[in-house]
């Protein structure tokens, strides 16, 4: 078994904000998306905030359970279906 730490998942690519930074902000009181945006800069990048699809489920899960999900299921509400 390796003692290496797993690579930090980058949630906001525009501003290079990792999951650990976002989870810390939530634990320390960021209980709305706007507070997360202001504290971490995640969700306010040049792309227009595509990472918000991950931020909202992460925040909602924590607010409901007091824990973070192992895997973030993106909120695809409002996103047009893929063309086949």
Protein backbone atom coordinates (compact mmCIF):
# COMPACT_ATOMS: atom_id res chain seq x y z
CA UNK A 1 0.00 0.00 0.00
CA UNK A 2 1.27 3.42 -0.93
CA UNK A 3 1.69 6.20 1.63
CA UNK A 4 1.20 8.89 -1.01
CA UNK A 5 -1.71 11.22 -0.50
CA UNK A 6 -4.34 11.16 -3.22
CA UNK A 7 -4.14 14.01 -5.69
CA UNK A 8 -6.42 16.87 -4.69
CA UNK A 9 -9.49 17.05 -6.92
CA UNK A 10 -9.65 20.43 -8.65
CA UNK A 11 -13.23 21.68 -8.57
CA UNK A 12 -12.71 25.13 -10.15
CA UNK A 13 -10.25 24.90 -13.00
CA UNK A 14 -10.36 28.61 -13.88
CA UNK A 15 -9.12 29.64 -10.43
CA UNK A 16 -7.37 26.36 -9.54
CA UNK A 17 -9.45 25.76 -6.39
CA UNK A 18 -9.33 22.25 -5.00
CA UNK A 19 -11.98 20.31 -3.13
CA UNK A 20 -10.11 20.54 0.17
CA UNK A 21 -10.18 24.35 0.05
CA UNK A 22 -13.92 24.35 -0.63
CA UNK A 23 -14.65 21.80 2.11
CA UNK A 24 -12.64 23.86 4.60
CA UNK A 25 -14.57 26.99 3.68
CA UNK A 26 -17.88 25.17 4.16
CA UNK A 27 -16.78 23.75 7.52
CA UNK A 28 -15.76 27.25 8.61
CA UNK A 29 -19.18 28.74 7.89
CA UNK A 30 -19.75 29.19 4.17
CA UNK A 31 -23.35 28.02 4.05
CA UNK A 32 -24.36 29.60 0.73
CA UNK A 33 -22.89 29.47 -2.75
CA UNK A 34 -22.20 33.21 -2.64
CA UNK A 35 -20.13 32.79 0.52
CA UNK A 36 -18.16 29.99 -1.17
CA UNK A 37 -17.58 32.21 -4.23
CA UNK A 38 -16.39 35.12 -2.07
CA UNK A 39 -14.16 33.02 0.19
CA UNK A 40 -12.53 30.67 -2.32
CA UNK A 41 -13.03 32.32 -5.77
CA UNK A 42 -14.47 29.01 -6.98
CA UNK A 43 -17.44 29.49 -9.29
CA UNK A 44 -16.51 32.96 -10.48
CA UNK A 45 -13.97 32.18 -13.19
CA UNK A 46 -13.80 33.12 -16.83
CA UNK A 47 -15.87 30.09 -17.84
CA UNK A 48 -18.94 31.54 -16.16
CA UNK A 49 -19.06 29.12 -13.27
CA UNK A 50 -19.38 25.63 -14.73
CA UNK A 51 -18.01 24.23 -11.45
CA UNK A 52 -21.15 25.46 -9.72
CA UNK A 53 -22.73 22.17 -10.83
CA UNK A 54 -20.38 20.50 -8.35
CA UNK A 55 -20.39 23.18 -5.65
CA UNK A 56 -24.13 23.12 -5.03
CA UNK A 57 -24.45 19.33 -4.49
CA UNK A 58 -21.35 19.38 -2.27
CA UNK A 59 -22.78 22.20 -0.14
CA UNK A 60 -26.30 20.72 -0.04
CA UNK A 61 -24.99 17.32 1.06
CA UNK A 62 -22.97 18.90 3.87
CA UNK A 63 -25.86 21.07 5.06
CA UNK A 64 -28.16 18.04 5.14
CA UNK A 65 -25.80 15.47 6.68
CA UNK A 66 -22.84 17.29 8.23
CA UNK A 67 -20.52 15.22 6.03
CA UNK A 68 -19.12 15.50 2.53
CA UNK A 69 -19.95 12.92 -0.15
CA UNK A 70 -17.13 10.71 -1.32
CA UNK A 71 -18.10 11.39 -4.93
CA UNK A 72 -19.78 14.58 -6.11
CA UNK A 73 -22.74 14.01 -8.41
CA UNK A 74 -22.99 17.07 -10.66
CA UNK A 75 -26.29 18.93 -10.78
CA UNK A 76 -27.16 18.86 -14.47
CA UNK A 77 -30.47 20.68 -14.01
CA UNK A 78 -30.87 23.31 -16.67
CA UNK A 79 -28.14 21.89 -18.88
CA UNK A 80 -29.36 20.94 -22.37
CA UNK A 81 -29.28 17.19 -23.10
CA UNK A 82 -26.41 15.85 -25.18
CA UNK A 83 -27.16 15.49 -28.85
CA UNK A 84 -26.77 11.99 -30.23
